[in-house]
C-alpha atoms as a PDB file:
ATOM      1  CA  GLN A   1     -13.931   4.727  12.570  1.00  0.00           C
ATOM      2  CA  VAL A   2     -12.465   4.624   9.079  1.00  0.00           C
ATOM      3  CA  GLN A   3     -12.482   1.715   6.660  1.00  0.00           C
ATOM      4  CA  PRO A   4      -9.886   1.531   3.901  1.00  0.00           C
ATOM      5  CA  VAL A   5     -10.804  -0.097   0.594  1.00  0.00           C
ATOM      6  CA  GLU A   6      -8.160  -1.141  -1.931  1.00  0.00           C
ATOM      7  CA  SER A   7      -8.559  -1.213  -5.691  1.00  0.00           C
ATOM      8  CA  GLY A   8      -6.452  -1.519  -8.804  1.00  0.00           C
ATOM      9  CA  GLY A   9      -4.998  -4.983  -8.506  1.00  0.00           C
ATOM     10  CA  GLY A  10      -4.700  -7.304 -11.456  1.00  0.00           C
ATOM     11  CA  LEU A  11      -2.431  -9.310 -13.708  1.00  0.00           C
ATOM     12  CA  VAL A  12       0.642  -7.757 -15.303  1.00  0.00           C
ATOM     13  CA  GLN A  13       3.740  -9.056 -17.043  1.00  0.00           C
ATOM     14  CA  ALA A  14       7.147  -8.780 -15.458  1.00  0.00           C
ATOM     15  CA  GLY A  15       8.635  -5.373 -16.110  1.00  0.00           C
ATOM     16  CA  GLY A  16       5.226  -3.771 -16.312  1.00  0.00           C
ATOM     17  CA  SER A  17       3.460  -1.255 -14.099  1.00  0.00           C
ATOM     18  CA  LEU A  18       0.352  -1.214 -11.974  1.00  0.00           C
ATOM     19  CA  GLY A  19      -1.269   1.367  -9.728  1.00  0.00           C
ATOM     20  CA  LEU A  20      -3.165   0.634  -6.540  1.00  0.00           C
ATOM     21  CA  SER A  21      -5.524   2.935  -4.699  1.00  0.00           C
ATOM     22  CA  CYS A  22      -6.676   2.963  -1.110  1.00  0.00           C
ATOM     23  CA  ALA A  23      -9.776   5.003  -0.378  1.00  0.00           C
ATOM     24  CA  ALA A  24     -11.055   5.559   3.115  1.00  0.00           C
ATOM     25  CA  SER A  25     -14.301   6.913   4.420  1.00  0.00           C
ATOM     26  CA  GLY A  26     -14.505   9.379   7.249  1.00  0.00           C
ATOM     27  CA  ARG A  27     -13.410  12.949   7.786  1.00  0.00           C
ATOM     28  CA  THR A  28     -10.374  11.967   9.850  1.00  0.00           C
ATOM     29  CA  PHE A  29      -8.327  10.454   7.018  1.00  0.00           C
ATOM     30  CA  SER A  30      -5.502  12.933   7.495  1.00  0.00           C
ATOM     31  CA  ASP A  31      -5.170  11.839  11.122  1.00  0.00           C
ATOM     32  CA  TYR A  32      -3.481   8.643   9.928  1.00  0.00           C
ATOM     33  CA  GLY A  33      -0.321   7.485   8.345  1.00  0.00           C
ATOM     34  CA  VAL A  34      -1.119   5.023   5.578  1.00  0.00           C
ATOM     35  CA  GLY A  35       0.843   1.922   4.774  1.00  0.00           C
ATOM     36  CA  TRP A  36       0.843  -0.763   2.153  1.00  0.00           C
ATOM     37  CA  PHE A  37       1.631  -4.330   3.110  1.00  0.00           C
ATOM     38  CA  ARG A  38       1.575  -7.535   1.100  1.00  0.00           C
ATOM     39  CA  GLN A  39       1.247 -11.229   1.712  1.00  0.00           C
ATOM     40  CA  ALA A  40       2.336 -13.886  -0.747  1.00  0.00           C
ATOM     41  CA  PRO A  41       1.037 -17.476  -0.540  1.00  0.00           C
ATOM     42  CA  GLY A  42       2.733 -19.346   2.262  1.00  0.00           C
ATOM     43  CA  LYS A  43       4.532 -16.279   3.530  1.00  0.00           C
ATOM     44  CA  GLU A  44       3.990 -13.809   6.314  1.00  0.00           C
ATOM     45  CA  ARG A  45       2.617 -10.376   5.645  1.00  0.00           C
ATOM     46  CA  GLU A  46       5.388  -7.870   4.960  1.00  0.00           C
ATOM     47  CA  PHE A  47       5.693  -4.129   4.888  1.00  0.00           C
ATOM     48  CA  VAL A  48       5.914  -2.420   1.499  1.00  0.00           C
ATOM     49  CA  ALA A  49       5.649   1.356   1.937  1.00  0.00           C
ATOM     50  CA  ALA A  50       4.055   4.027   4.099  1.00  0.00           C
ATOM     51  CA  ILE A  51       3.344   7.735   3.990  1.00  0.00           C
ATOM     52  CA  SER A  52       2.851  10.242   6.774  1.00  0.00           C
ATOM     53  CA  ARG A  53      -0.355  12.115   7.549  1.00  0.00           C
ATOM     54  CA  TYR A  54       0.225  14.984   5.131  1.00  0.00           C
ATOM     55  CA  GLY A  55       2.600  13.214   2.788  1.00  0.00           C
ATOM     56  CA  SER A  56       5.813  14.903   3.910  1.00  0.00           C
ATOM     57  CA  SER A  57       7.534  11.625   4.791  1.00  0.00           C
ATOM     58  CA  THR A  58       7.635   8.228   3.163  1.00  0.00           C
ATOM     59  CA  TYR A  59       9.324   4.942   3.978  1.00  0.00           C
ATOM     60  CA  TYR A  60       9.924   1.951   1.728  1.00  0.00           C
ATOM     61  CA  ALA A  61      10.998  -1.627   2.099  1.00  0.00           C
ATOM     62  CA  GLY A  62      14.364  -2.243   0.500  1.00  0.00           C
ATOM     63  CA  SER A  63      12.859  -4.709  -1.959  1.00  0.00           C
ATOM     64  CA  VAL A  64      10.654  -2.053  -3.566  1.00  0.00           C
ATOM     65  CA  LYS A  65      12.648   1.143  -3.106  1.00  0.00           C
ATOM     66  CA  GLY A  66      13.219   2.838  -6.422  1.00  0.00           C
ATOM     67  CA  ARG A  67      10.435   0.856  -8.106  1.00  0.00           C
ATOM     68  CA  PHE A  68       7.344   1.751  -6.047  1.00  0.00           C
ATOM     69  CA  THR A  69       6.059   5.217  -5.166  1.00  0.00           C
ATOM     70  CA  ILE A  70       3.500   5.986  -2.489  1.00  0.00           C
ATOM     71  CA  SER A  71       1.511   9.221  -2.495  1.00  0.00           C
ATOM     72  CA  ARG A  72      -1.699  10.574  -1.027  1.00  0.00           C
ATOM     73  CA  ASP A  73      -4.470  13.065  -1.720  1.00  0.00           C
ATOM     74  CA  ASN A  74      -6.217  14.036   1.511  1.00  0.00           C
ATOM     75  CA  VAL A  75      -8.945  15.917  -0.367  1.00  0.00           C
ATOM     76  CA  LYS A  76      -9.927  12.658  -2.040  1.00  0.00           C
ATOM     77  CA  ASN A  77      -9.173  10.570   1.076  1.00  0.00           C
ATOM     78  CA  THR A  78      -7.022   8.345  -1.112  1.00  0.00           C
ATOM     79  CA  VAL A  79      -3.529   6.899  -1.022  1.00  0.00           C
ATOM     80  CA  TYR A  80      -1.836   5.569  -4.135  1.00  0.00           C
ATOM     81  CA  LEU A  81       0.882   3.002  -4.739  1.00  0.00           C
ATOM     82  CA  GLN A  82       2.498   3.208  -8.159  1.00  0.00           C
ATOM     83  CA  MET A  83       4.401   0.021  -8.904  1.00  0.00           C
ATOM     84  CA  ASN A  84       6.915  -0.022 -11.752  1.00  0.00           C
ATOM     85  CA  SER A  85       9.390  -2.625 -12.990  1.00  0.00           C
ATOM     86  CA  LEU A  86       7.298  -5.344 -11.422  1.00  0.00           C
ATOM     87  CA  LYS A  87       8.811  -8.732 -10.737  1.00  0.00           C
ATOM     88  CA  PRO A  88       7.177 -12.143 -10.246  1.00  0.00           C
ATOM     89  CA  GLU A  89       8.204 -11.973  -6.588  1.00  0.00           C
ATOM     90  CA  ASP A  90       5.945  -8.939  -6.183  1.00  0.00           C
ATOM     91  CA  THR A  91       2.974 -11.267  -6.580  1.00  0.00           C
ATOM     92  CA  ALA A  92       0.853 -11.041  -3.439  1.00  0.00           C
ATOM     93  CA  VAL A  93      -2.322  -9.737  -1.913  1.00  0.00           C
ATOM     94  CA  TYR A  94      -1.717  -6.077  -1.186  1.00  0.00           C
ATOM     95  CA  TYR A  95      -3.318  -4.530   1.880  1.00  0.00           C
ATOM     96  CA  CYS A  96      -3.794  -0.927   2.833  1.00  0.00           C
ATOM     97  CA  ALA A  97      -3.724   0.072   6.486  1.00  0.00           C
ATOM     98  CA  LEU A  98      -4.318   3.267   8.414  1.00  0.00           C
ATOM     99  CA  GLY A  99      -1.891   3.555  11.277  1.00  0.00           C
ATOM    100  CA  ALA A 100       0.071   5.882  13.477  1.00  0.00           C
ATOM    101  CA  GLY A 101       3.038   6.740  11.274  1.00  0.00           C
ATOM    102  CA  ILE A 102       5.392   5.501   8.588  1.00  0.00           C
ATOM    103  CA  PHE A 103       7.191   2.681  10.364  1.00  0.00           C
ATOM    104  CA  PRO A 104       5.921  -0.916  10.319  1.00  0.00           C
ATOM    105  CA  SER A 105       5.710  -1.101  14.116  1.00  0.00           C
ATOM    106  CA  GLN A 106       3.156   1.713  14.031  1.00  0.00           C
ATOM    107  CA  TYR A 107       0.607  -0.514  12.326  1.00  0.00           C
ATOM    108  CA  ASP A 108       0.022  -3.012  15.104  1.00  0.00           C
ATOM    109  CA  ASN A 109      -3.385  -1.492  15.823  1.00  0.00           C
ATOM    110  CA  ALA A 110      -4.206  -0.276  12.338  1.00  0.00           C
ATOM    111  CA  TYR A 111      -7.428  -0.291  10.378  1.00  0.00           C
ATOM    112  CA  TRP A 112      -6.988  -2.810   7.553  1.00  0.00           C
ATOM    113  CA  GLY A 113      -8.561  -3.175   4.173  1.00  0.00           C
ATOM    114  CA  GLN A 114      -9.634  -6.450   2.603  1.00  0.00           C
ATOM    115  CA  GLY A 115      -6.762  -6.558   0.128  1.00  0.00           C
ATOM    116  CA  THR A 116      -6.360  -6.651  -3.618  1.00  0.00           C
ATOM    117  CA  GLN A 117      -4.541  -9.315  -5.632  1.00  0.00           C
ATOM    118  CA  VAL A 118      -1.502  -8.417  -7.705  1.00  0.00           C
ATOM    119  CA  THR A 119      -0.097 -11.112  -9.963  1.00  0.00           C
ATOM    120  CA  VAL A 120       3.076 -10.624 -11.972  1.00  0.00           C
ATOM    121  CA  SER A 121       3.715 -13.196 -14.663  1.00  0.00           C
ATOM    122  CA  SER A 122       7.195 -14.059 -15.865  1.00  0.00           C
END
């Protein structure tokens, strides 16, 4: 079993940038697609971005495409989410998940992290 752990959240002004990391233990990290999801107060959790097992494919939600970039380093067992041009509506708890692919439906039985808070001030 693998356990993802997120880091890198914090407070940033609108228009700024922030990078998140998701590190996972276990030698089978490259067996999984990795996705980022977020949940704002009072809202349902939503998909943000995902990357395939070896990084050859990525998929983004329309609301973040062109502003966020997902990448991974399987040697370090880590996935990154670089967030640029942040907006107040990006404020949420961001979760990392290890799933079966790059599409949101492939994370129904994923391994989830505990989340990291991202707050974007206006």
